[in-house]
Protein backbone atom coordinates (compact mmCIF):
# COMPACT_ATOMS: atom_id res chain seq x y z
CA MET A 1 53.14 17.53 37.07
CA SER A 2 56.11 15.31 36.73
CA LEU A 3 55.64 11.47 36.38
CA SER A 4 58.24 8.79 35.58
CA ARG A 5 57.43 6.26 32.90
CA CYS A 6 58.12 2.56 32.39
CA SER A 7 61.39 2.12 30.33
CA GLN A 8 59.73 -0.88 28.33
CA CYS A 9 56.18 -0.07 27.73
CA GLY A 10 56.17 3.78 28.26
CA ALA A 11 53.38 3.64 30.81
CA SER A 12 53.40 6.46 33.39
CA ARG A 13 54.35 5.40 36.97
CA GLY A 14 51.86 7.98 38.36
CA PRO A 15 48.30 7.17 39.82
CA ALA A 16 46.05 5.07 37.71
CA ARG A 17 43.49 8.09 37.76
CA LEU A 18 44.45 11.72 37.47
CA GLU A 19 42.65 13.67 40.18
CA LEU A 20 41.69 17.30 39.58
CA ASP A 21 41.60 19.74 42.41
CA VAL A 22 38.14 21.14 41.81
CA ALA A 23 37.13 24.29 43.83
CA GLU A 24 35.09 23.57 46.79
CA PRO A 25 31.52 24.96 47.11
CA GLY A 26 31.47 28.10 49.17
CA THR A 27 34.98 29.13 48.25
CA ARG A 28 35.77 32.38 46.38
CA HIS A 29 37.01 30.28 43.42
CA HIS A 30 33.85 28.25 43.27
CA ILE A 31 31.86 31.55 43.34
CA LEU A 32 33.79 33.02 40.39
CA LEU A 33 33.43 29.83 38.36
CA ASN A 34 29.56 29.88 38.69
CA SER A 35 28.99 33.69 38.30
CA ASN A 36 29.85 36.54 35.92
CA GLU A 37 31.75 38.36 38.70
CA ALA A 38 35.23 39.72 37.67
CA PRO A 39 38.13 38.44 39.89
CA LEU A 40 40.14 40.73 42.13
CA GLU A 41 43.73 41.51 41.21
CA SER A 42 44.93 39.14 44.01
CA GLU A 43 42.65 36.37 42.55
CA VAL A 44 43.96 36.64 38.96
CA ALA A 45 47.26 35.05 39.88
CA VAL A 46 45.55 32.12 41.56
CA ILE A 47 43.39 31.45 38.43
CA ARG A 48 46.53 31.70 36.13
CA ALA A 49 48.33 29.22 38.35
CA GLU A 50 45.32 26.81 38.14
CA LEU A 51 45.36 27.00 34.40
CA THR A 52 49.03 26.31 34.22
CA THR A 53 48.34 23.24 36.27
CA LEU A 54 45.45 22.15 34.09
CA ASP A 55 47.52 22.75 30.85
CA ALA A 56 50.10 20.29 32.25
CA SER A 57 47.44 17.72 33.09
CA LEU A 58 45.90 18.00 29.61
CA ALA A 59 49.46 17.57 28.03
CA PHE A 60 49.90 14.37 30.12
CA LEU A 61 46.49 13.19 29.13
CA ASP A 62 47.08 13.79 25.47
CA ASP A 63 50.38 11.83 25.74
CA GLU A 64 48.66 8.86 27.42
CA ILE A 65 45.94 8.83 24.85
CA ALA A 66 48.43 8.86 21.94
CA ARG A 67 50.35 6.09 23.58
CA LEU A 68 47.30 3.94 24.19
CA ARG A 69 46.17 4.53 20.62
CA GLY A 70 49.35 3.40 19.32
CA GLN A 71 49.15 0.37 21.45
CA LEU A 72 45.50 -0.18 20.34
CA GLU A 73 46.45 0.12 16.63
CA GLN A 74 49.26 -2.50 17.31
CA LEU A 75 46.94 -4.85 18.95
CA GLN A 76 44.43 -4.54 16.22
CA GLU A 77 46.95 -5.32 13.57
CA GLN A 78 48.13 -8.19 15.54
CA ARG A 79 44.41 -9.41 15.87
CA THR A 80 43.90 -9.14 12.13
CA SER A 81 47.04 -11.14 11.44
CA ALA A 82 45.87 -13.73 14.00
CA LEU A 83 42.29 -13.97 12.37
CA SER A 84 43.88 -14.29 8.88
CA TYR A 85 46.26 -17.10 10.07
CA ARG A 86 43.46 -18.83 11.84
CA ALA A 87 41.37 -18.80 8.62
CA GLN A 88 44.33 -20.22 6.75
CA ASN A 89 44.59 -23.06 9.26
CA ARG A 90 40.85 -23.65 9.16
CA SER A 91 40.82 -23.78 5.43
CA VAL A 92 43.32 -26.77 5.72
CA LEU A 93 40.49 -28.74 7.29
CA SER A 94 37.92 -27.45 4.78
CA PRO A 95 35.75 -30.32 3.13
CA LEU A 96 36.35 -28.40 -0.19
CA ARG A 97 39.91 -29.70 -0.17
CA ARG A 98 38.59 -33.26 -0.14
CA ILE A 99 35.92 -32.86 -3.00
CA PRO A 100 36.80 -35.36 -5.63
CA PRO A 101 37.71 -33.64 -9.04
CA GLU A 102 34.69 -35.12 -10.82
CA ILE A 103 32.33 -33.60 -8.31
CA LEU A 104 34.20 -30.18 -8.25
CA GLY A 105 33.98 -30.17 -11.99
CA TYR A 106 30.31 -30.70 -11.89
CA ILE A 107 29.94 -27.88 -9.47
CA PHE A 108 32.04 -25.66 -11.82
CA SER A 109 29.77 -26.44 -14.70
CA TRP A 110 26.86 -24.64 -12.84
CA THR A 111 28.97 -21.52 -12.80
CA LEU A 112 29.23 -21.15 -16.58
CA PRO A 113 27.37 -18.06 -17.93
CA ALA A 114 24.68 -18.22 -20.57
CA ILE A 115 25.14 -16.61 -23.94
CA GLY A 116 23.08 -13.65 -22.80
CA GLU A 117 25.55 -12.89 -20.14
CA LEU A 118 28.38 -12.89 -22.52
CA ILE A 119 26.83 -10.82 -25.34
CA PRO A 120 27.63 -8.07 -25.62
CA ALA A 121 31.06 -8.48 -24.31
CA THR A 122 31.48 -5.57 -21.90
CA ALA A 123 33.95 -7.17 -19.34
CA SER A 124 37.29 -9.11 -19.43
CA PRO A 125 36.69 -12.84 -19.85
CA PHE A 126 38.92 -13.36 -16.82
CA THR A 127 36.17 -12.14 -14.60
CA LYS A 128 33.83 -14.94 -15.64
CA SER A 129 33.85 -18.73 -15.45
CA PRO A 130 35.70 -20.74 -16.52
CA TRP A 131 38.66 -18.43 -16.55
CA VAL A 132 38.18 -17.08 -13.09
CA LEU A 133 38.11 -20.67 -11.62
CA SER A 134 41.78 -21.13 -12.57
CA HIS A 135 42.85 -18.18 -10.33
CA ILE A 136 41.54 -19.52 -7.10
CA SER A 137 43.87 -22.23 -6.00
CA ARG A 138 46.22 -24.77 -7.63
CA TYR A 139 43.69 -27.53 -7.01
CA TRP A 140 40.83 -25.61 -8.58
CA ARG A 141 43.10 -24.63 -11.51
CA THR A 142 44.05 -28.25 -12.02
CA VAL A 143 40.46 -29.44 -12.01
CA ALA A 144 39.18 -26.49 -14.22
CA VAL A 145 41.88 -26.80 -16.93
CA SER A 146 41.54 -30.59 -17.06
CA ASP A 147 37.77 -30.55 -17.58
CA ALA A 148 37.31 -30.01 -21.13
CA SER A 149 33.47 -29.47 -21.07
CA LEU A 150 34.20 -26.21 -19.18
CA TRP A 151 35.97 -24.76 -22.08
CA SER A 152 33.70 -25.91 -24.88
CA LEU A 153 31.65 -22.55 -25.32
CA VAL A 154 33.69 -20.08 -27.36
CA THR A 155 32.08 -16.66 -27.53
CA VAL A 156 33.64 -13.92 -29.64
CA ASP A 157 31.73 -10.66 -30.15
CA TYR A 158 32.98 -7.96 -32.31
CA GLY A 159 29.63 -5.95 -32.14
CA ASN A 160 31.06 -4.24 -28.92
CA THR A 161 34.17 -2.17 -29.21
CA ARG A 162 34.99 -2.80 -25.54
CA SER A 163 35.30 -6.68 -26.04
CA ASP A 164 38.59 -8.02 -25.38
CA TYR A 165 39.10 -11.65 -26.42
CA PRO A 166 42.44 -11.81 -28.32
CA LEU A 167 43.40 -14.69 -30.57
CA PRO A 168 46.03 -16.12 -28.01
CA LEU A 169 43.29 -16.44 -25.36
CA VAL A 170 40.99 -18.26 -27.82
CA GLU A 171 43.85 -20.57 -28.77
CA THR A 172 44.36 -21.41 -25.20
CA GLN A 173 40.69 -22.18 -24.70
CA VAL A 174 40.41 -24.25 -27.73
CA GLY A 175 43.44 -26.27 -26.57
CA ARG A 176 41.60 -27.11 -23.40
CA ALA A 177 38.39 -28.15 -25.03
CA LYS A 178 37.50 -31.37 -26.94
CA LYS A 179 34.24 -30.44 -28.43
CA LEU A 180 33.27 -26.61 -29.32
CA LYS A 181 30.17 -24.67 -29.12
CA VAL A 182 31.09 -21.61 -31.35
CA HIS A 183 29.28 -18.33 -31.06
CA PHE A 184 30.93 -15.60 -33.28
CA TYR A 185 29.39 -12.30 -33.89
CA GLY A 186 30.91 -10.12 -36.79
CA CYS A 187 30.43 -6.54 -37.21
CA GLU A 188 30.90 -4.49 -40.38
CA THR A 189 31.99 -1.32 -38.63
CA PHE A 190 34.77 -3.06 -36.86
CA ASP A 191 38.20 -3.70 -38.46
CA HIS A 192 37.54 -6.83 -40.68
CA GLN A 193 41.14 -8.28 -40.63
CA PRO A 194 41.07 -9.45 -36.90
CA GLN A 195 37.61 -10.96 -37.50
CA ILE A 196 38.80 -12.91 -40.51
CA GLU A 197 41.78 -14.12 -38.63
CA MET A 198 39.90 -15.20 -35.71
CA PHE A 199 37.21 -17.05 -37.76
CA GLN A 200 39.77 -18.74 -39.87
CA TYR A 201 41.41 -19.97 -36.79
CA LEU A 202 38.19 -21.44 -35.38
CA VAL A 203 37.32 -22.98 -38.78
CA GLN A 204 40.70 -24.95 -38.53
CA HIS A 205 38.95 -26.67 -35.55
CA ALA A 206 35.57 -27.13 -37.36
CA PRO A 207 35.75 -31.01 -36.80
CA GLN A 208 35.29 -30.26 -33.04
CA TRP A 209 32.27 -28.09 -33.58
CA GLU A 210 29.04 -29.35 -31.95
CA GLU A 211 27.15 -25.93 -32.25
CA LEU A 212 27.51 -22.88 -34.34
CA SER A 213 25.82 -19.55 -34.07
CA VAL A 214 27.32 -16.77 -36.33
CA SER A 215 26.40 -13.40 -37.30
CA LEU A 216 28.01 -12.72 -40.69
CA THR A 217 29.39 -9.84 -42.61
CA PRO A 218 30.00 -9.75 -46.41
CA ARG A 219 33.81 -10.47 -45.73
CA LEU A 220 33.03 -13.45 -43.47
CA ALA A 221 30.21 -15.07 -45.43
CA PRO A 222 32.78 -16.62 -48.00
CA LEU A 223 34.59 -18.34 -45.17
CA LEU A 224 31.63 -20.67 -44.59
CA SER A 225 32.40 -22.69 -47.78
CA ILE A 226 35.49 -24.00 -46.07
CA LEU A 227 33.19 -25.85 -43.70
CA ARG A 228 31.88 -28.27 -46.32
CA ASP A 229 32.45 -31.81 -45.22
CA ARG A 230 34.36 -30.65 -42.19
CA VAL A 231 31.66 -30.61 -39.46
CA PRO A 232 31.12 -34.25 -38.55
CA LEU A 233 29.93 -33.46 -35.00
CA LEU A 234 27.87 -30.38 -35.72
CA ARG A 235 24.35 -30.95 -34.27
CA ARG A 236 22.92 -27.50 -34.68
CA PHE A 237 23.55 -24.13 -36.27
CA TYR A 238 22.08 -20.63 -36.46
CA VAL A 239 23.33 -18.29 -39.21
CA GLN A 240 22.25 -14.81 -39.38
CA TRP A 241 22.86 -11.55 -41.41
CA PRO A 242 22.02 -8.41 -39.51
CA SER A 243 22.30 -6.48 -42.64
CA ASP A 244 21.53 -6.96 -46.48
CA PRO A 245 24.08 -9.55 -47.71
CA GLY A 246 24.29 -7.83 -51.07
CA SER A 247 24.61 -10.44 -53.85
CA THR A 248 22.61 -13.55 -53.46
CA ILE A 249 24.62 -16.30 -51.48
CA GLY A 250 23.68 -19.68 -50.57
CA LEU A 251 24.37 -22.03 -47.66
CA GLU A 252 25.58 -25.27 -49.09
CA CYS A 253 28.33 -25.90 -46.38
CA PHE A 254 26.09 -28.02 -44.14
CA GLN A 255 24.69 -30.39 -46.80
CA ASN A 256 26.81 -33.22 -45.67
CA ALA A 257 26.75 -32.62 -41.88
CA PRO A 258 25.95 -36.29 -40.59
CA SER A 259 25.10 -35.27 -37.05
CA LEU A 260 22.92 -32.08 -37.93
CA LEU A 261 19.60 -31.96 -36.04
CA ASP A 262 18.83 -28.29 -35.79
CA ALA A 263 19.19 -25.77 -38.71
CA ARG A 264 18.28 -22.18 -38.35
CA VAL A 265 18.90 -19.28 -40.74
CA HIS A 266 17.73 -15.72 -40.35
CA ASN A 267 18.01 -12.45 -42.49
CA GLU A 268 15.35 -9.77 -42.56
CA PHE A 269 16.26 -8.31 -45.92
CA ARG A 270 16.23 -11.26 -48.24
CA TYR A 271 16.16 -15.06 -48.12
CA ILE A 272 19.25 -17.10 -48.15
CA PRO A 273 19.10 -20.30 -50.08
CA ILE A 274 20.10 -23.21 -48.03
CA VAL A 275 21.03 -26.94 -48.67
CA CYS A 276 21.04 -29.20 -45.65
CA PRO A 277 20.34 -32.89 -44.80
CA ALA A 278 16.54 -32.27 -44.19
CA HIS A 279 15.80 -35.82 -43.51
CA GLN A 280 17.88 -35.61 -40.42
CA LEU A 281 16.47 -32.47 -38.82
CA THR A 282 14.28 -32.50 -35.77
CA GLN A 283 14.12 -28.68 -35.36
CA TYR A 284 14.03 -26.09 -38.03
CA GLN A 285 13.82 -22.39 -38.49
CA LEU A 286 13.98 -20.31 -41.79
CA ASP A 287 12.82 -17.00 -43.17
CA CYS A 288 12.02 -17.65 -46.90
CA PRO A 289 9.34 -17.88 -49.40
CA TRP A 290 6.89 -20.76 -49.03
CA GLU A 291 8.13 -22.55 -51.93
CA MET A 292 11.55 -22.99 -50.30
CA HIS A 293 9.95 -24.00 -47.14
CA ALA A 294 7.92 -26.63 -48.93
CA THR A 295 10.91 -28.08 -50.70
CA ILE A 296 12.72 -28.68 -47.31
CA LEU A 297 9.68 -29.73 -45.47
CA LYS A 298 8.83 -32.45 -47.87
CA GLU A 299 12.06 -34.17 -46.95
CA ALA A 300 11.98 -33.38 -43.24
CA VAL A 301 10.16 -36.46 -42.26
CA ASN A 302 11.61 -36.39 -38.72
CA LEU A 303 10.86 -32.88 -37.78
CA ILE A 304 9.56 -32.31 -34.24
CA GLU A 305 9.79 -28.63 -33.98
CA ALA A 306 9.49 -25.97 -36.67
CA ARG A 307 9.60 -22.29 -36.84
CA ILE A 308 8.27 -21.19 -40.13
CA LEU A 309 8.56 -17.61 -41.22
CA VAL A 310 7.31 -16.31 -44.61
CA ASP A 311 8.37 -12.64 -44.48
CA PHE A 312 9.34 -12.00 -48.05
CA PRO A 313 6.18 -10.98 -49.93
CA ASP A 314 7.75 -10.49 -53.39
CA ASN A 315 5.73 -13.45 -54.62
CA GLU A 316 2.18 -13.72 -53.17
CA ASP A 317 1.30 -16.84 -55.26
CA TRP A 318 2.14 -18.99 -52.33
CA ARG A 319 -1.28 -18.19 -50.78
CA ASN A 320 -2.93 -20.02 -53.74
CA CYS A 321 -0.96 -23.08 -53.24
CA ARG A 322 -3.04 -26.26 -53.11
CA GLU A 323 -0.48 -28.90 -52.04
CA VAL A 324 -0.69 -30.12 -48.49
CA LEU A 325 2.54 -31.32 -46.79
CA ASP A 326 2.58 -34.20 -44.29
CA LEU A 327 4.73 -33.56 -41.24
CA THR A 328 3.85 -36.84 -39.31
CA CYS A 329 6.31 -36.25 -36.30
CA LEU A 330 5.68 -32.45 -35.78
CA ARG A 331 4.65 -31.60 -32.23
CA ARG A 332 5.59 -27.92 -31.82
CA LEU A 333 5.09 -25.24 -34.56
CA PHE A 334 5.39 -21.43 -34.93
CA VAL A 335 4.00 -19.82 -37.95
CA SER A 336 4.39 -16.15 -39.02
CA HIS A 337 1.24 -16.23 -40.95
CA ALA A 338 -1.86 -18.37 -40.09
CA GLU A 339 -2.35 -19.07 -43.72
CA ILE A 340 0.57 -21.51 -43.60
CA LEU A 341 -1.59 -23.88 -41.64
CA LYS A 342 -3.63 -24.42 -44.91
CA PHE A 343 -0.71 -26.33 -46.36
CA LEU A 344 0.14 -28.64 -43.48
CA ARG A 345 -1.15 -31.88 -42.13
CA VAL A 346 0.31 -32.47 -38.64
CA PRO A 347 -1.46 -35.44 -36.85
CA VAL A 348 0.50 -35.31 -33.60
CA LEU A 349 0.72 -31.52 -33.29
CA GLU A 350 0.35 -30.50 -29.58
CA GLU A 351 1.74 -26.91 -29.38
CA ILE A 352 1.19 -24.07 -31.73
CA THR A 353 2.27 -20.39 -31.61
CA ILE A 354 0.86 -17.94 -34.21
CA ASP A 355 2.21 -14.51 -34.93
CA PHE A 356 -1.10 -12.70 -34.82
CA ASP A 357 -1.79 -10.21 -37.66
CA GLU A 358 -4.05 -7.40 -36.51
CA GLY A 359 -7.54 -7.55 -37.99
CA ALA A 360 -6.92 -11.14 -39.25
CA GLY A 361 -8.68 -12.87 -36.21
CA PRO A 362 -11.52 -14.58 -38.32
CA GLU A 363 -8.86 -15.93 -40.89
CA ILE A 364 -6.63 -17.16 -37.92
CA LEU A 365 -9.47 -19.00 -36.44
CA ARG A 366 -10.67 -20.51 -39.87
CA ASP A 367 -7.13 -21.65 -40.58
CA LEU A 368 -6.64 -23.18 -37.14
CA GLN A 369 -9.89 -25.00 -37.54
CA SER A 370 -8.83 -26.17 -40.94
CA VAL A 371 -5.48 -27.76 -39.90
CA VAL A 372 -6.83 -29.36 -36.80
CA SER A 373 -9.78 -30.99 -38.75
CA ARG A 374 -7.50 -32.03 -41.50
CA SER A 375 -4.97 -33.48 -39.10
CA SER A 376 -7.25 -34.93 -36.32
CA CYS A 377 -4.57 -33.49 -33.95
CA ILE A 378 -5.34 -32.61 -30.33
CA LEU A 379 -3.81 -29.15 -29.43
CA ARG A 380 -2.69 -28.96 -25.98
CA ARG A 381 -1.05 -25.53 -25.98
CA LEU A 382 -1.78 -22.32 -27.75
CA CYS A 383 0.58 -19.24 -27.78
CA LEU A 384 -0.37 -15.91 -29.39
CA TRP A 385 2.20 -13.30 -30.27
CA GLY A 386 -0.23 -10.51 -30.20
CA PHE A 387 -3.95 -11.12 -29.98
CA ASP A 388 -7.51 -9.81 -29.89
CA LEU A 389 -10.29 -10.84 -27.55
CA TRP A 390 -12.72 -12.35 -29.80
CA THR A 391 -10.30 -14.62 -31.66
CA THR A 392 -8.73 -15.69 -28.25
CA THR A 393 -11.91 -16.45 -26.61
CA GLU A 394 -13.33 -18.23 -29.67
CA ILE A 395 -10.36 -20.44 -29.99
CA LEU A 396 -10.60 -21.50 -26.34
CA ARG A 397 -14.25 -22.12 -26.79
CA GLN A 398 -13.88 -24.28 -29.95
CA PHE A 399 -10.85 -26.18 -28.75
CA PRO A 400 -11.41 -27.55 -25.31
CA SER A 401 -8.28 -29.68 -25.63
CA ILE A 402 -6.07 -26.57 -25.13
CA VAL A 403 -5.03 -26.73 -21.48
CA GLU A 404 -2.17 -24.18 -21.70
CA LEU A 405 -2.67 -20.53 -23.02
CA ALA A 406 0.27 -18.17 -23.48
CA ILE A 407 -0.20 -14.53 -24.47
CA ILE A 408 2.74 -12.25 -25.58
CA ALA A 409 1.64 -8.50 -25.36
CA THR A 410 4.10 -6.49 -27.55
CA THR A 411 2.64 -2.91 -27.13
CA ARG A 412 1.18 -0.75 -24.42
CA GLY A 413 -2.16 -1.36 -26.03
CA GLY A 414 -1.59 -4.97 -25.89
CA GLY A 415 -1.06 -4.70 -22.17
CA GLU A 416 -4.34 -2.97 -21.73
CA LEU A 417 -5.98 -5.65 -24.00
CA ALA A 418 -4.39 -8.38 -21.81
CA ALA A 419 -6.04 -6.84 -18.80
CA THR A 420 -9.39 -7.03 -20.43
CA LEU A 421 -8.67 -10.67 -21.42
CA MET A 422 -7.76 -11.44 -17.69
CA LYS A 423 -11.09 -10.04 -16.55
CA ARG A 424 -12.88 -12.40 -19.01
CA LEU A 425 -10.96 -15.42 -17.78
CA THR A 426 -11.60 -14.54 -14.16
CA VAL A 427 -14.15 -17.08 -12.55
CA SER A 428 -17.20 -15.26 -11.37
CA THR A 429 -18.47 -16.04 -7.99
CA ASP A 430 -21.83 -16.12 -9.49
CA SER A 431 -22.65 -19.76 -9.86
CA ASN A 432 -24.67 -19.01 -12.95
CA GLY A 433 -21.83 -17.30 -14.67
CA ALA A 434 -20.38 -18.99 -17.79
CA VAL A 435 -16.57 -19.85 -17.47
CA ILE A 436 -14.45 -19.39 -20.39
CA ALA A 437 -12.00 -22.51 -20.86
CA PRO A 438 -12.54 -24.04 -17.43
CA GLN A 439 -10.02 -26.75 -18.46
CA LEU A 440 -7.05 -24.29 -18.47
CA ARG A 441 -4.17 -25.79 -16.28
CA CYS A 442 -1.58 -23.29 -17.31
CA LEU A 443 -1.80 -19.54 -17.87
CA SER A 444 1.10 -17.57 -19.17
CA PHE A 445 1.45 -13.76 -19.79
CA ALA A 446 4.52 -12.14 -21.29
CA CYS A 447 5.05 -8.42 -21.83
CA GLN A 448 7.76 -6.98 -24.03
CA ILE A 449 9.31 -3.57 -23.74
CA GLU A 450 6.39 -1.26 -24.13
CA ALA A 451 3.71 -3.57 -22.76
CA PHE A 452 2.83 -3.93 -19.02
CA ILE A 453 0.83 -6.35 -16.70
CA ASN A 454 -2.01 -5.19 -14.55
CA TYR A 455 -0.98 -7.25 -11.59
CA PRO A 456 -4.10 -6.62 -9.40
CA ILE A 457 -6.36 -7.84 -12.21
CA TYR A 458 -4.00 -10.61 -13.09
CA MET A 459 -3.97 -11.92 -9.39
CA GLU A 460 -7.85 -11.79 -9.32
CA MET A 461 -7.98 -14.12 -12.45
CA VAL A 462 -5.14 -16.44 -11.03
CA THR A 463 -6.77 -16.65 -7.51
CA SER A 464 -10.24 -17.29 -8.91
CA ARG A 465 -9.04 -20.07 -11.20
CA TRP A 466 -6.91 -21.70 -8.49
CA ARG A 467 -9.87 -21.68 -6.10
CA ALA A 468 -11.86 -23.23 -8.86
CA GLY A 469 -9.58 -26.18 -8.85
CA SER A 470 -8.30 -26.38 -12.34
CA LEU A 471 -5.25 -23.99 -12.60
CA LYS A 472 -1.96 -25.48 -11.65
CA THR A 473 0.77 -23.24 -13.08
CA PHE A 474 0.94 -19.45 -13.90
CA GLU A 475 3.75 -17.67 -15.63
CA ILE A 476 4.76 -14.07 -15.85
CA LEU A 477 7.59 -12.90 -18.09
CA VAL A 478 8.31 -9.07 -17.89
CA HIS A 479 10.81 -6.68 -19.20
CA SER A 480 13.09 -5.25 -16.40
CA GLY A 481 11.36 -2.68 -14.30
CA LEU A 482 7.80 -4.04 -14.56
CA LEU A 483 7.79 -5.84 -11.26
CA PRO A 484 4.90 -6.60 -8.85
CA ASP A 485 4.64 -4.29 -5.68
CA ALA A 486 4.72 -5.73 -2.08
CA ASP A 487 1.06 -6.47 -1.79
CA VAL A 488 1.02 -8.53 -4.99
CA ARG A 489 4.09 -10.36 -4.06
CA LYS A 490 2.48 -11.29 -0.69
CA ARG A 491 -0.62 -12.58 -2.61
CA ILE A 492 1.68 -14.74 -4.88
CA ALA A 493 3.47 -16.18 -1.96
CA VAL A 494 0.19 -17.25 -0.32
CA LEU A 495 -0.82 -19.10 -3.66
CA CYS A 496 2.47 -20.73 -3.83
CA GLU A 497 2.34 -21.96 -0.22
CA GLU A 498 -0.96 -23.52 -1.09
CA GLY A 499 0.64 -25.42 -4.00
CA LEU A 500 0.32 -23.27 -7.16
CA ASP A 501 3.40 -23.40 -9.42
CA LEU A 502 4.88 -19.96 -10.21
CA VAL A 503 7.27 -19.01 -13.01
CA PHE A 504 8.38 -15.44 -12.86
CA LEU A 505 11.16 -14.21 -15.14
CA GLU A 506 12.53 -10.77 -16.05
CA GLY A 507 15.02 -9.12 -18.37
CA GLN A 508 17.28 -11.55 -20.17
CA ASP A 509 15.56 -14.72 -18.55
CA ALA A 510 12.26 -13.32 -19.90
CA GLU A 511 13.64 -13.04 -23.30
CA ARG A 512 14.87 -16.57 -23.17
CA GLY A 513 11.50 -17.80 -21.97
CA ILE A 514 9.57 -15.93 -24.75
CA ALA A 515 12.08 -17.56 -27.19
CA GLY A 516 11.00 -20.89 -25.83
CA TRP A 517 7.39 -20.05 -26.31
CA THR A 518 7.92 -19.19 -29.85
CA PHE A 519 10.16 -22.04 -30.63
CA ASP A 520 13.20 -20.00 -31.22
CA ALA A 521 16.87 -21.13 -30.39
CA THR A 522 16.88 -20.90 -26.61
CA TRP A 523 20.45 -22.22 -26.72
CA ASN A 524 21.30 -18.91 -28.61
CA TYR A 525 20.00 -16.65 -25.60
């Protein structure tokens, strides 16, 4: 087969469709094709000639296919280029190009990661906001770089060896910010010299600090003394030692901080003496003997929220203390031991969280009765970190003012106990059945790592109370992996459509939620 081709495009000048000379029915050739008969010697030459013709046809077809594929690839490349160029032209007309910088900056502020997304530092900072915003376009970069509020959060974590936040990068960020929220996490097993150099640089900018969260090492702790009289804007701090600090040290660097409102110190090995302007504080958290708490609380006349932990039992005489402290502004309180309530008068207290000691139910109930009677306060919310059935139901029975109940289950046994409590809180269809705490408007359950929620039982309780007309909100906080199945999700969706408010959090968001329930520093999560 010989066909001429176009000199410009290479197309054949032959017929538009290649016709094959197929053997006609009834012919000897057709019979051979449709049977197993052997051809005669005279027929072999005919078959071989047919094969030669077909080979030429196939070669022609292969050439045509290759040529057309080449043309198709070329056309596809041209189409891709045209689509890209069209998108570029459309982007010129995009409303985003006309967004005022102040509105774009506000949008950018919603892209900033929470502390929990930055710690541990496992990825380059350039993959997160605000750094990534400066690599989109010239306009975005101009807006991002000029908005000082986007650069205020400086997070440096040496607890993860994969962290990559060198000093020059921090210098650039600090240069773009006006006020600073410094979160610095030292590590004893990491080379101490880079940590010291980084912290010393940040201390140079202490007058810009609004917020400080620092995890200290023995080599970093002495540097805090430099902060004395140098933090005029500091509103809150959280200082922690993840290990034994060794020799007893004190925190006196914040005693003249004129803007300080929130002071928090934590060390599980020994208490850290602290001197701060207690009369300014509205929020407070400290692990220390009761005597030290009492010294600070006597001056903390403006305290609204307190997290009081007495975790150092070297001196048990505090339980025999007789002095009662007046906290006239306190509305939210966490106590590590219910006995602490014996030493407080809190007339406007509304929310209380108690770290539940196993087997101490009667004492917890008695101490709660004592503080409410002494203070004439009206409790609105109760949170129990750990619980038992008798104490929980008795508290609800004796304090009808409690309209919000939160339970934190910390063990697998706690999860099973929570299921039993849910059954007791379920409103029976029997009109003669007594309802426990019919006034509850909000029910909240949280499960930490080993605990679990029995969703079918939970949904029965929630549904029954919603139908009874009192429940308005329910909250579920779970560790990752403890999610409801499709049937439970469907039932939840039905209740939400009817008007019930749902808060469902898992993982890091759940941890932040539990921190809020226990009056921990949510800004540090």
